[in-house]
Amino acid sequence: MMREICSEDVERLSEIYDPDNKDSFISLYIDPESPYESFLKRREEACRCVLKKNPSLLENFDKTMERIRDVIMKNSSREFLIIFASHKNGFFEMYTSNQKGKNLMIVDTSPYIRPVVEMMEDYEDIGLILMDTHRAKVFMLCENKLIPEKKIARNILRKHKKGGWSQARFQRIRREEIKRFMKEVALYCEKIFKDVDKIILAGPGNGKHIFLETIPKSLRKKIIEILDVDFDEDERKLIEIMQDVGKEKKKEDEEMLMNRIGSEILKGGMAVYGVREVLERAMEGLLEVVLIDKNLRIAGWICERCQLVDVGRKERCPYCGSEVSEVDVIEEIVEFCERFDSRVIFLENEELKEIGGIAGLLRYRY
């Protein structure tokens, strides 16, 4: 049963590798709506040409591709497909993604997860609270899909109709009802947005501002934008609004992180930069966040047995003597970051390119 790939899957995949340092894993990214057959044929021919000098790896490749092709043929979904497979290791996992990417086939010692990380980093979950003084709708924007979470409404007094009530008493009762309603919305939002860092607060009139003044600090600090929006706004328009706000906030966050890194570099403090220094800290789990140029590729090698990675070329591991495999060092850094829950951000930034195309902030001094 296929399902959409999630961050927990990526974290688990980052720890999977061939114990014999062999290029036995095929990672395949396919858009079923593209002319992928010609792409697959060309990549298969090229990989077989390289692997024919190693009969066991060629056999593994053919058997793995046989199963992959069989599954693709039976697939009726038009969603983007992501497959990680190795006949040698008895491993086969297939996922979908709502986001389209390039057709890609990688043969390596482990699942190639960089494209998934880039996809997920581009589309951070954003919450939306759409409300006035007596109604609220709560949404989550997940990978460009707007998911309604809950609608809350209360019959709050709007006009003074009760005989014998003074205007002051009516207003006091109405304020208390609004306060109870907003507390109910806040409690629900605290729960549903527990793992969300960015929330947009929107709606007509003054209700959203009253809500902002009554909510706990833990929820208030997640509000990134307050907007005037009609309560019954079309969902497609809501998606567009949330995407625009998300992109702008992402750009601001990236600029802020680059400024922090620049400041720490000047102080000789909590920043690391350049592929070797970032790689070392990533392997130690010391990085809070890593910024990587979107086009950066660095040739290197890995010993899966020792989990040792370095830049350049080598035939054997200097520690255990095992044969090593050629890798993209950036992919290995991404995998280490996934294992240690370090945030990875891919971006285009000239200042980042000038310091080696990769930099990070440490969790603490070491």
Protein backbone atom coordinates (compact mmCIF):
# COMPACT_ATOMS: atom_id res chain seq x y z
CA MET A 1 0.00 0.00 0.00
CA MET A 2 1.52 3.30 -1.13
CA ARG A 3 1.33 6.40 0.99
CA GLU A 4 2.74 9.90 1.00
CA ILE A 5 6.31 10.12 2.25
CA CYS A 6 6.79 11.98 5.56
CA SER A 7 9.69 13.27 7.67
CA GLU A 8 9.68 10.14 9.85
CA ASP A 9 10.25 8.03 6.74
CA VAL A 10 13.17 10.21 5.67
CA GLU A 11 14.78 10.01 9.11
CA ARG A 12 14.52 6.21 9.07
CA LEU A 13 15.82 5.98 5.47
CA SER A 14 18.87 8.04 6.45
CA GLU A 15 20.05 5.15 8.65
CA ILE A 16 19.78 2.42 5.99
CA TYR A 17 22.83 1.35 3.99
CA ASP A 18 24.50 -1.65 2.41
CA PRO A 19 26.68 -3.32 5.10
CA ASP A 20 29.20 -4.44 2.46
CA ASN A 21 29.75 -0.96 0.99
CA LYS A 22 28.22 -2.08 -2.31
CA ASP A 23 26.20 0.08 -4.69
CA SER A 24 23.11 -2.09 -4.26
CA PHE A 25 20.38 0.48 -3.61
CA ILE A 26 18.34 2.05 -6.41
CA SER A 27 16.61 5.34 -5.61
CA LEU A 28 14.06 6.31 -8.23
CA TYR A 29 12.06 9.53 -8.54
CA ILE A 30 9.46 9.33 -11.33
CA ASP A 31 6.73 11.61 -12.63
CA PRO A 32 4.14 9.22 -14.16
CA GLU A 33 2.80 12.07 -16.30
CA SER A 34 6.21 12.59 -17.96
CA PRO A 35 7.80 10.52 -20.79
CA TYR A 36 9.68 8.56 -18.15
CA GLU A 37 10.12 5.37 -20.20
CA SER A 38 12.87 6.88 -22.36
CA PHE A 39 14.54 8.27 -19.23
CA LEU A 40 14.45 4.86 -17.50
CA LYS A 41 15.78 3.04 -20.55
CA ARG A 42 18.72 5.44 -20.93
CA ARG A 43 19.61 5.29 -17.22
CA GLU A 44 19.32 1.49 -17.09
CA GLU A 45 21.64 1.09 -20.08
CA ALA A 46 24.22 3.43 -18.57
CA CYS A 47 24.12 1.73 -15.15
CA ARG A 48 24.41 -1.75 -16.66
CA CYS A 49 27.43 -0.62 -18.68
CA VAL A 50 29.17 0.50 -15.47
CA LEU A 51 28.09 -2.53 -13.38
CA LYS A 52 28.93 -5.28 -15.91
CA LYS A 53 32.45 -5.59 -14.49
CA ASN A 54 30.84 -6.77 -11.22
CA PRO A 55 28.43 -9.66 -12.03
CA SER A 56 26.86 -9.80 -8.55
CA LEU A 57 26.03 -6.09 -8.55
CA LEU A 58 24.71 -6.32 -12.11
CA GLU A 59 22.47 -9.21 -11.10
CA ASN A 60 21.23 -7.21 -8.09
CA PHE A 61 20.55 -4.22 -10.34
CA ASP A 62 18.57 -6.30 -12.87
CA LYS A 63 16.48 -8.04 -10.21
CA THR A 64 15.81 -4.78 -8.37
CA MET A 65 14.78 -3.03 -11.60
CA GLU A 66 12.58 -5.97 -12.56
CA ARG A 67 10.54 -5.49 -9.41
CA ILE A 68 10.52 -1.71 -9.78
CA ARG A 69 9.24 -1.92 -13.36
CA ASP A 70 6.58 -4.44 -12.35
CA VAL A 71 5.29 -2.11 -9.63
CA ILE A 72 5.36 0.97 -11.89
CA MET A 73 3.41 -0.92 -14.58
CA LYS A 74 0.67 -1.76 -12.07
CA ASN A 75 0.58 1.75 -10.62
CA SER A 76 -2.50 3.78 -11.54
CA SER A 77 -1.68 6.87 -9.47
CA ARG A 78 -0.62 10.05 -11.31
CA GLU A 79 1.18 11.37 -8.24
CA PHE A 80 4.95 11.69 -8.18
CA LEU A 81 6.56 8.34 -7.27
CA ILE A 82 9.54 7.75 -4.99
CA ILE A 83 11.04 4.26 -4.78
CA PHE A 84 13.95 2.92 -2.72
CA ALA A 85 14.91 -0.70 -3.44
CA SER A 86 17.68 -3.28 -3.13
CA HIS A 87 17.21 -6.96 -4.03
CA LYS A 88 20.49 -7.79 -2.23
CA ASN A 89 19.22 -6.30 1.04
CA GLY A 90 15.60 -7.44 0.69
CA PHE A 91 14.49 -3.82 0.73
CA PHE A 92 11.63 -2.20 -1.21
CA GLU A 93 9.68 0.92 -0.25
CA MET A 94 7.46 3.03 -2.49
CA TYR A 95 5.93 6.41 -1.71
CA THR A 96 4.05 9.23 -3.38
CA SER A 97 4.47 12.99 -3.16
CA ASN A 98 2.08 15.81 -4.04
CA GLN A 99 5.06 17.80 -5.23
CA LYS A 100 6.52 17.23 -8.66
CA GLY A 101 10.25 16.80 -9.13
CA LYS A 102 12.72 15.76 -11.81
CA ASN A 103 12.95 12.16 -12.99
CA LEU A 104 16.01 10.76 -11.26
CA MET A 105 17.69 7.39 -10.78
CA ILE A 106 20.60 6.96 -8.36
CA VAL A 107 22.52 3.73 -7.68
CA ASP A 108 24.37 3.99 -4.39
CA THR A 109 25.22 2.28 -1.11
CA SER A 110 22.12 3.75 0.56
CA PRO A 111 18.78 5.40 -0.31
CA TYR A 112 19.33 8.81 -1.91
CA ILE A 113 17.13 11.20 0.11
CA ARG A 114 18.38 14.67 -0.85
CA PRO A 115 15.51 15.36 -3.33
CA VAL A 116 12.90 14.45 -0.68
CA VAL A 117 14.52 16.74 1.88
CA GLU A 118 14.53 19.58 -0.67
CA MET A 119 10.83 19.00 -1.42
CA MET A 120 9.87 19.00 2.25
CA GLU A 121 11.99 22.03 3.06
CA ASP A 122 10.28 24.02 0.29
CA TYR A 123 6.82 23.38 1.75
CA GLU A 124 6.73 23.92 5.49
CA ASP A 125 3.40 23.25 7.21
CA ILE A 126 1.50 26.46 8.01
CA GLY A 127 -1.54 26.87 10.22
CA LEU A 128 -4.47 29.20 9.56
CA ILE A 129 -6.98 30.50 12.10
CA LEU A 130 -9.86 32.24 10.31
CA MET A 131 -12.24 33.90 12.76
CA ASP A 132 -14.52 36.66 13.94
CA THR A 133 -16.09 37.13 17.39
CA HIS A 134 -18.38 34.07 17.22
CA ARG A 135 -17.01 31.73 14.51
CA ALA A 136 -13.67 30.14 13.78
CA LYS A 137 -12.29 27.81 11.11
CA VAL A 138 -8.94 26.15 11.60
CA PHE A 139 -6.86 24.91 8.67
CA MET A 140 -3.48 23.35 7.99
CA LEU A 141 -1.57 23.88 4.73
CA CYS A 142 0.44 20.70 4.21
CA GLU A 143 2.49 20.44 1.01
CA ASN A 144 0.11 22.77 -0.86
CA LYS A 145 -3.03 20.97 0.33
CA LEU A 146 -5.45 22.87 2.57
CA ILE A 147 -6.73 20.53 5.26
CA PRO A 148 -9.76 21.72 7.28
CA GLU A 149 -9.20 20.79 10.92
CA LYS A 150 -12.28 22.14 12.69
CA LYS A 151 -15.07 24.69 12.57
CA ILE A 152 -16.16 26.25 15.88
CA ALA A 153 -19.21 28.48 16.27
CA ARG A 154 -21.08 29.89 19.25
CA ASN A 155 -24.42 31.70 19.52
CA ILE A 156 -23.10 34.88 21.08
CA LEU A 157 -25.46 37.77 21.88
CA ARG A 158 -25.23 40.52 19.29
CA LYS A 159 -28.21 42.78 20.11
CA HIS A 160 -29.70 43.99 23.36
CA LYS A 161 -33.10 42.21 23.48
CA LYS A 162 -33.42 41.06 27.10
CA GLY A 163 -35.94 43.10 29.06
CA GLY A 164 -34.62 44.54 32.30
CA TRP A 165 -30.96 44.30 31.22
CA SER A 166 -28.92 47.46 31.31
CA GLN A 167 -26.66 48.16 28.34
CA ALA A 168 -23.61 47.78 30.60
CA ARG A 169 -24.75 44.37 31.84
CA PHE A 170 -25.49 43.22 28.28
CA GLN A 171 -22.02 44.27 27.11
CA ARG A 172 -20.38 42.55 30.09
CA ILE A 173 -22.21 39.26 29.40
CA ARG A 174 -21.37 39.50 25.70
CA ARG A 175 -17.67 40.09 26.46
CA GLU A 176 -17.64 37.05 28.77
CA GLU A 177 -19.25 34.88 26.07
CA ILE A 178 -16.69 36.06 23.49
CA LYS A 179 -13.90 35.39 25.98
CA ARG A 180 -15.14 31.81 26.60
CA PHE A 181 -15.44 31.22 22.85
CA MET A 182 -11.93 32.48 22.19
CA LYS A 183 -10.51 30.40 25.02
CA GLU A 184 -12.09 27.32 23.44
CA VAL A 185 -10.52 28.17 20.06
CA ALA A 186 -7.13 28.83 21.67
CA LEU A 187 -7.13 25.51 23.54
CA TYR A 188 -7.94 23.63 20.35
CA CYS A 189 -5.27 25.52 18.35
CA GLU A 190 -2.62 24.84 21.01
CA LYS A 191 -3.29 21.14 20.59
CA ILE A 192 -3.57 20.96 16.80
CA PHE A 193 -0.63 23.30 16.12
CA LYS A 194 1.69 21.70 18.68
CA ASP A 195 4.26 20.79 15.99
CA VAL A 196 3.65 23.81 13.72
CA ASP A 197 5.92 26.85 13.96
CA LYS A 198 4.06 29.27 11.68
CA ILE A 199 0.40 30.33 11.98
CA ILE A 200 -1.55 32.96 10.04
CA LEU A 201 -4.36 34.70 11.95
CA ALA A 202 -7.05 36.09 9.64
CA GLY A 203 -10.66 37.18 9.48
CA PRO A 204 -12.95 40.20 9.15
CA GLY A 205 -13.28 42.92 11.75
CA ASN A 206 -11.69 43.14 15.18
CA GLY A 207 -12.24 39.56 16.40
CA LYS A 208 -8.75 38.38 15.42
CA HIS A 209 -7.13 41.21 17.37
CA ILE A 210 -9.19 40.41 20.48
CA PHE A 211 -8.17 36.76 20.05
CA LEU A 212 -4.47 37.71 19.81
CA GLU A 213 -4.68 39.56 23.15
CA THR A 214 -6.26 36.58 24.96
CA ILE A 215 -4.17 33.63 23.73
CA PRO A 216 -1.18 32.19 25.65
CA LYS A 217 2.33 33.32 24.76
CA SER A 218 3.25 29.88 23.38
CA LEU A 219 0.62 30.28 20.66
CA ARG A 220 1.07 34.03 20.12
CA LYS A 221 4.76 33.68 19.23
CA LYS A 222 3.82 31.37 16.33
CA ILE A 223 1.63 34.02 14.66
CA ILE A 224 3.60 35.27 11.64
CA GLU A 225 0.93 37.40 9.96
CA ILE A 226 -2.44 39.00 10.75
CA LEU A 227 -4.67 39.54 7.71
CA ASP A 228 -8.11 40.95 6.87
CA VAL A 229 -9.85 38.09 5.08
CA ASP A 230 -13.53 37.35 4.51
CA PHE A 231 -14.72 34.50 6.72
CA ASP A 232 -16.20 32.65 3.73
CA GLU A 233 -13.23 33.21 1.43
CA ASP A 234 -12.73 30.57 -1.31
CA GLU A 235 -10.27 27.83 -0.28
CA ARG A 236 -8.18 28.29 -3.43
CA LYS A 237 -7.71 31.93 -2.50
CA LEU A 238 -6.77 30.90 1.05
CA ILE A 239 -4.08 28.54 -0.32
CA GLU A 240 -2.70 31.36 -2.48
CA ILE A 241 -2.61 33.75 0.50
CA MET A 242 -0.88 31.17 2.73
CA GLN A 243 1.67 30.29 0.05
CA ASP A 244 2.58 33.94 -0.49
CA VAL A 245 2.98 34.57 3.25
CA GLY A 246 4.98 31.34 3.64
CA LYS A 247 7.38 32.24 0.82
CA GLU A 248 7.96 35.72 2.20
CA LYS A 249 8.54 34.39 5.72
CA LYS A 250 10.91 31.70 4.39
CA LYS A 251 12.94 34.37 2.61
CA GLU A 252 13.10 36.45 5.80
CA ASP A 253 14.19 33.39 7.84
CA GLU A 254 16.96 32.59 5.35
CA GLU A 255 18.25 36.17 5.45
CA MET A 256 18.16 36.14 9.25
CA LEU A 257 20.11 32.85 9.38
CA MET A 258 22.72 34.15 6.92
CA ASN A 259 23.12 37.27 9.09
CA ARG A 260 23.55 35.08 12.19
CA ILE A 261 26.16 32.95 10.42
CA GLY A 262 28.01 36.06 9.22
CA SER A 263 28.02 37.51 12.72
CA GLU A 264 29.29 34.24 14.25
CA ILE A 265 32.02 33.94 11.61
CA LEU A 266 33.27 37.44 12.52
CA LYS A 267 33.33 36.48 16.21
CA GLY A 268 34.90 33.07 15.61
CA GLY A 269 31.87 31.68 17.41
CA MET A 270 29.03 29.24 16.72
CA ALA A 271 29.24 29.05 12.92
CA VAL A 272 31.00 26.52 10.68
CA TYR A 273 31.46 26.83 6.93
CA GLY A 274 33.06 24.95 4.08
CA VAL A 275 32.30 21.32 3.27
CA ARG A 276 34.92 19.63 5.50
CA GLU A 277 34.11 21.57 8.66
CA VAL A 278 30.34 21.18 8.17
CA LEU A 279 30.76 17.46 7.42
CA GLU A 280 32.73 16.88 10.63
CA ARG A 281 30.18 18.67 12.79
CA ALA A 282 27.27 16.91 11.01
CA MET A 283 28.83 13.49 11.74
CA GLU A 284 29.07 14.49 15.42
CA GLY A 285 25.45 15.68 15.56
CA LEU A 286 26.49 19.19 16.62
CA LEU A 287 24.57 21.21 14.03
CA GLU A 288 21.35 23.09 14.76
CA VAL A 289 20.80 24.15 11.15
CA VAL A 290 22.67 23.77 7.83
CA LEU A 291 22.35 26.06 4.82
CA ILE A 292 23.30 24.48 1.46
CA ASP A 293 23.51 25.99 -2.00
CA LYS A 294 20.87 24.28 -4.19
CA ASN A 295 23.40 23.47 -6.92
CA LEU A 296 26.24 22.28 -4.68
CA ARG A 297 27.70 18.82 -5.37
CA ILE A 298 30.97 17.61 -3.82
CA ALA A 299 32.63 14.33 -4.86
CA GLY A 300 33.79 12.15 -2.00
CA TRP A 301 33.86 8.63 -0.58
CA ILE A 302 32.22 6.65 2.21
CA CYS A 303 33.02 3.55 4.20
CA GLU A 304 29.59 2.28 5.25
CA ARG A 305 31.17 -0.09 7.76
CA CYS A 306 32.93 2.70 9.68
CA GLN A 307 30.43 5.40 8.67
CA LEU A 308 33.44 7.49 7.64
CA VAL A 309 32.98 10.11 4.90
CA ASP A 310 35.50 12.46 3.33
CA VAL A 311 36.05 14.68 0.32
CA GLY A 312 38.15 13.46 -2.61
CA ARG A 313 38.99 9.98 -3.90
CA LYS A 314 40.06 6.81 -2.12
CA GLU A 315 39.98 3.08 -2.89
CA ARG A 316 40.03 1.74 0.66
CA CYS A 317 39.06 2.94 4.12
CA PRO A 318 42.15 4.12 6.06
CA TYR A 319 40.70 2.58 9.25
CA CYS A 320 39.27 -0.84 8.38
CA GLY A 321 40.74 -1.41 4.93
CA SER A 322 37.34 -2.06 3.31
CA GLU A 323 36.57 -0.89 -0.19
CA VAL A 324 34.88 2.50 -0.19
CA SER A 325 32.15 3.89 -2.45
CA GLU A 326 32.03 7.18 -4.31
CA VAL A 327 29.37 9.54 -3.01
CA ASP A 328 28.07 13.07 -3.15
CA VAL A 329 29.34 14.44 0.16
CA ILE A 330 26.36 16.83 0.34
CA GLU A 331 23.96 13.84 0.29
CA GLU A 332 25.90 12.28 3.18
CA ILE A 333 25.73 15.54 5.15
CA VAL A 334 21.95 15.60 4.59
CA GLU A 335 21.69 12.01 5.87
CA PHE A 336 23.69 12.78 9.02
CA CYS A 337 21.50 15.85 9.62
CA GLU A 338 18.37 13.70 9.34
CA ARG A 339 19.75 11.22 11.87
CA PHE A 340 20.56 13.95 14.39
CA ASP A 341 17.45 16.09 13.74
CA SER A 342 19.42 19.03 12.34
CA ARG A 343 17.42 21.34 10.10
CA VAL A 344 18.54 21.48 6.43
CA ILE A 345 17.75 24.46 4.19
CA PHE A 346 18.54 24.57 0.46
CA LEU A 347 18.73 28.07 -1.00
CA GLU A 348 20.38 30.34 -3.55
CA ASN A 349 22.50 33.01 -1.88
CA GLU A 350 25.63 34.70 -3.24
CA GLU A 351 27.17 35.21 0.21
CA LEU A 352 26.76 31.49 0.92
CA LYS A 353 28.48 30.61 -2.38
CA GLU A 354 31.43 32.82 -1.45
CA ILE A 355 32.09 30.85 1.77
CA GLY A 356 31.98 27.46 0.07
CA GLY A 357 28.28 26.96 -0.65
CA ILE A 358 27.58 25.41 2.75
CA ALA A 359 27.48 26.69 6.33
CA GLY A 360 25.86 25.86 9.63
CA LEU A 361 25.12 26.98 13.16
CA LEU A 362 26.17 24.85 16.11
CA ARG A 363 23.84 23.72 18.88
CA TYR A 364 26.51 24.58 21.45
CA ARG A 365 30.20 25.30 21.71
CA TYR A 366 32.43 22.25 21.74
